[in-house]
């Protein structure tokens, strides 16, 4: 399950990065920021998730990657709420929609990773007869 979420969210982030790079410094749909820094963030985090989803990594490594990207997006959202320009890194600044999307992505990834971790513990405990 964690790999499937990594694949889907990773591909979506990569598509957003490519669209952002193609459109330049405009907003996507009038609501989402697509500055160069934001495109780079989507490119890197999308690549990490795609590797976790499609790559030859263990289940624990995939869960850790998904959780790490989720936490990163939660921190990014928090920073975006504190300073929309990310302390000068984003010329256009984040909108409330950008921050809410980051919160949703972050929470989804963290919950999926945590759920997969709990499921793995339950399976291990059953195998050991506990």
N, C-alpha and C. Protein backbone atom coordinates (compact mmCIF):
# COMPACT_ATOMS: atom_id res chain seq x y z
N UNK A 1 0.81 -1.19 0.00
CA UNK A 1 0.00 0.00 0.00
C UNK A 1 0.86 1.26 0.00
N UNK A 2 1.93 1.26 0.80
CA UNK A 2 2.79 2.44 0.89
C UNK A 2 3.48 2.69 -0.45
N UNK A 3 3.85 1.63 -1.15
CA UNK A 3 4.48 1.79 -2.45
C UNK A 3 3.51 2.39 -3.47
N UNK A 4 2.25 1.97 -3.42
CA UNK A 4 1.25 2.51 -4.34
C UNK A 4 1.07 4.01 -4.13
N UNK A 5 0.95 4.42 -2.88
CA UNK A 5 0.83 5.86 -2.59
C UNK A 5 2.08 6.61 -3.05
N UNK A 6 3.25 6.02 -2.81
CA UNK A 6 4.50 6.66 -3.25
C UNK A 6 4.51 6.81 -4.77
N UNK A 7 4.05 5.80 -5.47
CA UNK A 7 4.02 5.86 -6.93
C UNK A 7 3.08 6.96 -7.41
N UNK A 8 1.87 6.97 -6.88
CA UNK A 8 0.86 7.92 -7.34
C UNK A 8 1.25 9.36 -7.00
N UNK A 9 1.57 9.62 -5.75
CA UNK A 9 1.92 10.98 -5.34
C UNK A 9 3.23 11.41 -6.01
N UNK A 10 4.18 10.49 -6.14
CA UNK A 10 5.44 10.81 -6.80
C UNK A 10 5.25 11.24 -8.25
N UNK A 11 4.44 10.49 -8.98
CA UNK A 11 4.19 10.84 -10.39
C UNK A 11 3.46 12.17 -10.48
N UNK A 12 2.48 12.40 -9.60
CA UNK A 12 1.76 13.68 -9.60
C UNK A 12 2.72 14.84 -9.36
N UNK A 13 3.62 14.68 -8.39
CA UNK A 13 4.57 15.75 -8.10
C UNK A 13 5.52 15.98 -9.27
N UNK A 14 5.94 14.91 -9.94
CA UNK A 14 6.81 15.08 -11.11
C UNK A 14 6.09 15.79 -12.25
N UNK A 15 4.82 15.45 -12.46
CA UNK A 15 4.03 16.12 -13.49
C UNK A 15 3.88 17.61 -13.15
N UNK A 16 3.61 17.91 -11.88
CA UNK A 16 3.51 19.32 -11.45
C UNK A 16 4.83 20.06 -11.68
N UNK A 17 5.94 19.39 -11.42
CA UNK A 17 7.24 20.02 -11.63
C UNK A 17 7.47 20.33 -13.10
N UNK A 18 7.15 19.39 -13.97
CA UNK A 18 7.34 19.61 -15.40
C UNK A 18 6.40 20.71 -15.90
N UNK A 19 5.14 20.68 -15.46
CA UNK A 19 4.20 21.74 -15.84
C UNK A 19 4.70 23.10 -15.36
N UNK A 20 5.18 23.14 -14.14
CA UNK A 20 5.68 24.39 -13.58
C UNK A 20 6.87 24.92 -14.35
N UNK A 21 7.78 24.02 -14.72
CA UNK A 21 8.94 24.45 -15.49
C UNK A 21 8.53 24.94 -16.88
N UNK A 22 7.51 24.30 -17.46
CA UNK A 22 7.04 24.69 -18.79
C UNK A 22 6.30 26.03 -18.76
N UNK A 23 5.56 26.29 -17.69
CA UNK A 23 4.75 27.51 -17.60
C UNK A 23 5.53 28.71 -17.11
N UNK A 24 6.67 28.50 -16.49
CA UNK A 24 7.45 29.63 -15.97
C UNK A 24 6.89 30.12 -14.65
N UNK A 25 6.99 31.43 -14.42
CA UNK A 25 6.58 32.01 -13.14
C UNK A 25 5.13 32.48 -13.15
N UNK A 26 4.23 31.62 -13.56
CA UNK A 26 2.81 31.91 -13.51
C UNK A 26 2.20 31.07 -12.39
N UNK A 27 0.92 31.26 -12.17
CA UNK A 27 0.25 30.38 -11.21
C UNK A 27 -0.52 29.33 -12.00
N UNK A 28 -0.59 28.16 -11.45
CA UNK A 28 -1.28 27.04 -12.09
C UNK A 28 -2.74 27.10 -11.70
N UNK A 29 -3.61 27.31 -12.67
CA UNK A 29 -5.03 27.42 -12.40
C UNK A 29 -5.40 28.66 -11.59
N UNK A 30 -4.50 29.61 -11.52
CA UNK A 30 -4.78 30.83 -10.77
C UNK A 30 -4.69 30.66 -9.27
N UNK A 31 -4.33 29.46 -8.80
CA UNK A 31 -4.34 29.22 -7.36
C UNK A 31 -3.03 28.66 -6.82
N UNK A 32 -2.31 27.89 -7.62
CA UNK A 32 -1.10 27.22 -7.13
C UNK A 32 0.15 27.93 -7.64
N UNK A 33 1.10 28.13 -6.74
CA UNK A 33 2.37 28.77 -7.06
C UNK A 33 3.25 27.78 -7.82
N UNK A 34 3.92 28.27 -8.86
CA UNK A 34 4.84 27.40 -9.59
C UNK A 34 6.18 28.11 -9.84
N UNK A 35 6.70 28.76 -8.84
CA UNK A 35 8.02 29.36 -8.93
C UNK A 35 9.07 28.27 -9.11
N UNK A 36 10.26 28.66 -9.55
CA UNK A 36 11.35 27.72 -9.80
C UNK A 36 11.69 26.90 -8.56
N UNK A 37 11.73 27.52 -7.41
CA UNK A 37 12.04 26.80 -6.17
C UNK A 37 10.97 25.74 -5.89
N UNK A 38 9.71 26.10 -6.10
CA UNK A 38 8.62 25.15 -5.89
C UNK A 38 8.72 23.99 -6.88
N UNK A 39 9.09 24.29 -8.12
CA UNK A 39 9.27 23.23 -9.12
C UNK A 39 10.40 22.29 -8.72
N UNK A 40 11.48 22.84 -8.20
CA UNK A 40 12.61 22.02 -7.75
C UNK A 40 12.19 21.13 -6.58
N UNK A 41 11.40 21.69 -5.66
CA UNK A 41 10.91 20.90 -4.53
C UNK A 41 10.05 19.75 -5.02
N UNK A 42 9.14 20.03 -5.96
CA UNK A 42 8.29 18.97 -6.50
C UNK A 42 9.12 17.93 -7.25
N UNK A 43 10.14 18.37 -7.97
CA UNK A 43 10.98 17.46 -8.73
C UNK A 43 11.74 16.51 -7.80
N UNK A 44 12.36 17.05 -6.77
CA UNK A 44 13.15 16.23 -5.85
C UNK A 44 12.25 15.29 -5.03
N UNK A 45 11.18 15.83 -4.44
CA UNK A 45 10.32 14.97 -3.61
C UNK A 45 9.57 13.95 -4.46
N UNK A 46 9.18 14.35 -5.68
CA UNK A 46 8.54 13.40 -6.58
C UNK A 46 9.48 12.26 -6.95
N UNK A 47 10.73 12.60 -7.23
CA UNK A 47 11.73 11.57 -7.56
C UNK A 47 11.96 10.63 -6.38
N UNK A 48 12.03 11.16 -5.18
CA UNK A 48 12.21 10.31 -4.00
C UNK A 48 11.04 9.33 -3.87
N UNK A 49 9.83 9.83 -4.04
CA UNK A 49 8.66 8.96 -3.92
C UNK A 49 8.59 7.94 -5.05
N UNK A 50 8.92 8.35 -6.27
CA UNK A 50 8.92 7.40 -7.38
C UNK A 50 9.95 6.30 -7.13
N UNK A 51 11.12 6.66 -6.65
CA UNK A 51 12.12 5.64 -6.32
C UNK A 51 11.65 4.72 -5.21
N UNK A 52 10.98 5.28 -4.21
CA UNK A 52 10.44 4.46 -3.12
C UNK A 52 9.34 3.53 -3.62
N UNK A 53 8.56 4.00 -4.58
CA UNK A 53 7.44 3.21 -5.09
C UNK A 53 7.83 2.19 -6.13
N UNK A 54 8.72 2.55 -7.03
CA UNK A 54 9.08 1.67 -8.14
C UNK A 54 10.46 1.04 -8.00
N UNK A 55 11.30 1.60 -7.14
CA UNK A 55 12.68 1.15 -7.03
C UNK A 55 12.83 -0.15 -6.25
N UNK A 56 14.04 -0.62 -6.26
CA UNK A 56 14.36 -1.85 -5.53
C UNK A 56 14.84 -1.51 -4.12
N UNK A 57 13.92 -1.03 -3.35
CA UNK A 57 14.21 -0.71 -1.95
C UNK A 57 13.32 -1.59 -1.08
N UNK A 58 13.77 -1.82 0.12
CA UNK A 58 12.98 -2.63 1.05
C UNK A 58 11.74 -1.89 1.51
N UNK A 59 10.84 -2.65 2.11
CA UNK A 59 9.59 -2.07 2.59
C UNK A 59 9.86 -1.01 3.66
N UNK A 60 10.81 -1.26 4.52
CA UNK A 60 11.14 -0.29 5.56
C UNK A 60 11.71 1.00 4.98
N UNK A 61 12.54 0.87 3.96
CA UNK A 61 13.11 2.05 3.31
C UNK A 61 12.02 2.85 2.60
N UNK A 62 11.09 2.15 1.96
CA UNK A 62 9.98 2.84 1.27
C UNK A 62 9.12 3.59 2.29
N UNK A 63 8.81 2.94 3.42
CA UNK A 63 8.02 3.61 4.47
C UNK A 63 8.75 4.84 5.00
N UNK A 64 10.05 4.71 5.22
CA UNK A 64 10.84 5.83 5.74
C UNK A 64 10.86 6.99 4.74
N UNK A 65 11.01 6.68 3.46
CA UNK A 65 11.02 7.73 2.43
C UNK A 65 9.67 8.44 2.38
N UNK A 66 8.59 7.67 2.42
CA UNK A 66 7.25 8.25 2.37
C UNK A 66 7.01 9.12 3.62
N UNK A 67 7.39 8.61 4.78
CA UNK A 67 7.23 9.38 6.01
C UNK A 67 8.08 10.65 5.98
N UNK A 68 9.31 10.53 5.51
CA UNK A 68 10.21 11.68 5.45
C UNK A 68 9.69 12.77 4.53
N UNK A 69 9.18 12.38 3.36
CA UNK A 69 8.62 13.37 2.44
C UNK A 69 7.36 13.98 3.04
N UNK A 70 6.56 13.17 3.71
CA UNK A 70 5.35 13.68 4.36
C UNK A 70 5.68 14.72 5.42
N UNK A 71 6.66 14.42 6.24
CA UNK A 71 7.08 15.38 7.28
C UNK A 71 7.64 16.64 6.64
N UNK A 72 8.41 16.48 5.57
CA UNK A 72 8.94 17.64 4.85
C UNK A 72 7.81 18.55 4.37
N UNK A 73 6.76 17.96 3.80
CA UNK A 73 5.64 18.78 3.31
C UNK A 73 4.88 19.45 4.45
N UNK A 74 4.79 18.80 5.59
CA UNK A 74 4.14 19.44 6.75
C UNK A 74 4.97 20.63 7.23
N UNK A 75 6.28 20.47 7.27
CA UNK A 75 7.15 21.58 7.67
C UNK A 75 7.08 22.71 6.63
N UNK A 76 7.05 22.33 5.36
CA UNK A 76 6.94 23.33 4.29
C UNK A 76 5.64 24.12 4.43
N UNK A 77 4.55 23.43 4.74
CA UNK A 77 3.26 24.11 4.93
C UNK A 77 3.33 25.05 6.12
N UNK A 78 3.91 24.59 7.22
CA UNK A 78 4.05 25.44 8.40
C UNK A 78 4.85 26.69 8.08
N UNK A 79 5.97 26.51 7.39
CA UNK A 79 6.79 27.67 7.00
C UNK A 79 6.02 28.58 6.04
N UNK A 80 5.22 27.99 5.16
CA UNK A 80 4.43 28.78 4.24
C UNK A 80 3.37 29.61 4.93
N UNK A 81 2.81 29.07 6.02
CA UNK A 81 1.83 29.84 6.79
C UNK A 81 2.53 30.97 7.56
N UNK A 82 3.76 30.72 8.00
CA UNK A 82 4.50 31.73 8.75
C UNK A 82 4.96 32.86 7.83
N UNK A 83 5.55 32.50 6.67
CA UNK A 83 6.03 33.49 5.70
C UNK A 83 5.77 32.94 4.31
N UNK A 84 4.80 33.52 3.62
CA UNK A 84 4.35 33.03 2.31
C UNK A 84 5.47 32.99 1.27
N UNK A 85 6.48 33.83 1.42
CA UNK A 85 7.57 33.85 0.44
C UNK A 85 8.70 32.91 0.83
N UNK A 86 8.50 32.11 1.86
CA UNK A 86 9.56 31.23 2.39
C UNK A 86 10.85 32.01 2.62
N UNK A 87 10.69 33.12 3.31
CA UNK A 87 11.82 33.96 3.70
C UNK A 87 12.60 34.45 2.48
N UNK A 88 11.86 34.79 1.40
CA UNK A 88 12.46 35.37 0.21
C UNK A 88 12.78 34.38 -0.90
N UNK A 89 12.58 33.09 -0.69
CA UNK A 89 12.90 32.09 -1.72
C UNK A 89 11.87 32.06 -2.86
N UNK A 90 10.63 32.42 -2.56
CA UNK A 90 9.56 32.38 -3.56
C UNK A 90 9.10 33.78 -3.91
N UNK A 91 9.42 34.25 -5.10
CA UNK A 91 9.01 35.61 -5.48
C UNK A 91 7.49 35.80 -5.45
N UNK A 92 6.74 34.80 -5.90
CA UNK A 92 5.28 34.93 -5.93
C UNK A 92 4.64 34.63 -4.59
N UNK A 93 5.31 33.86 -3.77
CA UNK A 93 4.77 33.49 -2.46
C UNK A 93 3.70 32.43 -2.55
N UNK A 94 3.54 31.71 -1.46
CA UNK A 94 2.51 30.67 -1.38
C UNK A 94 1.15 31.29 -1.14
N UNK A 95 0.14 30.69 -1.73
CA UNK A 95 -1.24 31.06 -1.42
C UNK A 95 -1.73 30.11 -0.33
N UNK A 96 -2.89 30.39 0.20
CA UNK A 96 -3.49 29.50 1.19
C UNK A 96 -3.72 28.13 0.56
N UNK A 97 -4.08 28.10 -0.72
CA UNK A 97 -4.31 26.83 -1.41
C UNK A 97 -3.02 26.01 -1.46
N UNK A 98 -1.89 26.65 -1.77
CA UNK A 98 -0.60 25.96 -1.77
C UNK A 98 -0.34 25.30 -0.42
N UNK A 99 -0.52 26.08 0.64
CA UNK A 99 -0.26 25.57 1.98
C UNK A 99 -1.20 24.43 2.34
N UNK A 100 -2.47 24.55 1.98
CA UNK A 100 -3.42 23.48 2.27
C UNK A 100 -3.10 22.20 1.49
N UNK A 101 -2.67 22.35 0.25
CA UNK A 101 -2.26 21.18 -0.54
C UNK A 101 -1.06 20.51 0.12
N UNK A 102 -0.11 21.30 0.60
CA UNK A 102 1.05 20.73 1.29
C UNK A 102 0.64 20.02 2.58
N UNK A 103 -0.30 20.57 3.31
CA UNK A 103 -0.79 19.92 4.52
C UNK A 103 -1.43 18.57 4.17
N UNK A 104 -2.27 18.56 3.15
CA UNK A 104 -2.95 17.32 2.75
C UNK A 104 -1.95 16.27 2.30
N UNK A 105 -1.00 16.66 1.45
CA UNK A 105 0.03 15.72 1.00
C UNK A 105 0.82 15.19 2.18
N UNK A 106 1.25 16.09 3.05
CA UNK A 106 2.05 15.69 4.21
C UNK A 106 1.30 14.74 5.13
N UNK A 107 0.07 15.09 5.48
CA UNK A 107 -0.71 14.22 6.37
C UNK A 107 -0.98 12.86 5.73
N UNK A 108 -1.34 12.86 4.46
CA UNK A 108 -1.61 11.61 3.76
C UNK A 108 -0.39 10.70 3.78
N UNK A 109 0.76 11.24 3.45
CA UNK A 109 1.97 10.42 3.40
C UNK A 109 2.38 9.92 4.79
N UNK A 110 2.29 10.78 5.79
CA UNK A 110 2.65 10.36 7.15
C UNK A 110 1.69 9.28 7.65
N UNK A 111 0.39 9.46 7.41
CA UNK A 111 -0.59 8.46 7.86
C UNK A 111 -0.41 7.13 7.13
N UNK A 112 -0.14 7.18 5.84
CA UNK A 112 0.09 5.95 5.07
C UNK A 112 1.33 5.23 5.59
N UNK A 113 2.40 5.96 5.81
CA UNK A 113 3.63 5.36 6.32
C UNK A 113 3.42 4.77 7.72
N UNK A 114 2.70 5.50 8.56
CA UNK A 114 2.43 5.00 9.91
C UNK A 114 1.54 3.77 9.87
N UNK A 115 0.53 3.78 9.01
CA UNK A 115 -0.35 2.62 8.88
C UNK A 115 0.40 1.41 8.38
N UNK A 116 1.30 1.60 7.44
CA UNK A 116 2.11 0.49 6.92
C UNK A 116 3.05 -0.03 8.00
N UNK A 117 3.58 0.86 8.81
CA UNK A 117 4.48 0.45 9.90
C UNK A 117 3.70 -0.37 10.93
N UNK A 118 2.48 0.05 11.26
CA UNK A 118 1.65 -0.68 12.22
C UNK A 118 1.27 -2.05 11.67
N UNK A 119 0.94 -2.11 10.37
CA UNK A 119 0.59 -3.37 9.75
C UNK A 119 1.78 -4.33 9.74
N UNK A 120 2.97 -3.80 9.51
CA UNK A 120 4.18 -4.63 9.51
C UNK A 120 4.44 -5.19 10.91
N UNK A 121 4.23 -4.39 11.94
CA UNK A 121 4.42 -4.87 13.32
C UNK A 121 3.43 -5.98 13.66
N UNK A 122 2.19 -5.80 13.24
CA UNK A 122 1.15 -6.80 13.50
C UNK A 122 1.49 -8.11 12.82
N UNK A 123 1.93 -8.05 11.58
CA UNK A 123 2.29 -9.25 10.83
C UNK A 123 3.48 -9.95 11.48
N UNK A 124 4.49 -9.19 11.92
CA UNK A 124 5.66 -9.75 12.57
C UNK A 124 5.26 -10.42 13.88
N UNK A 125 4.39 -9.77 14.65
CA UNK A 125 3.95 -10.34 15.92
C UNK A 125 3.19 -11.64 15.71
N UNK A 126 2.36 -11.72 14.69
CA UNK A 126 1.61 -12.94 14.40
C UNK A 126 2.52 -14.07 13.99
N UNK A 127 3.56 -13.76 13.24
CA UNK A 127 4.52 -14.79 12.82
C UNK A 127 5.26 -15.37 14.01
N UNK A 128 5.54 -14.54 14.98
CA UNK A 128 6.25 -14.97 16.17
C UNK A 128 5.34 -15.65 17.18
N UNK A 129 4.04 -15.61 16.91
CA UNK A 129 3.10 -16.26 17.81
C UNK A 129 2.72 -15.44 19.03
N UNK A 130 2.80 -14.18 18.94
CA UNK A 130 2.47 -13.31 20.08
C UNK A 130 1.06 -12.85 20.01
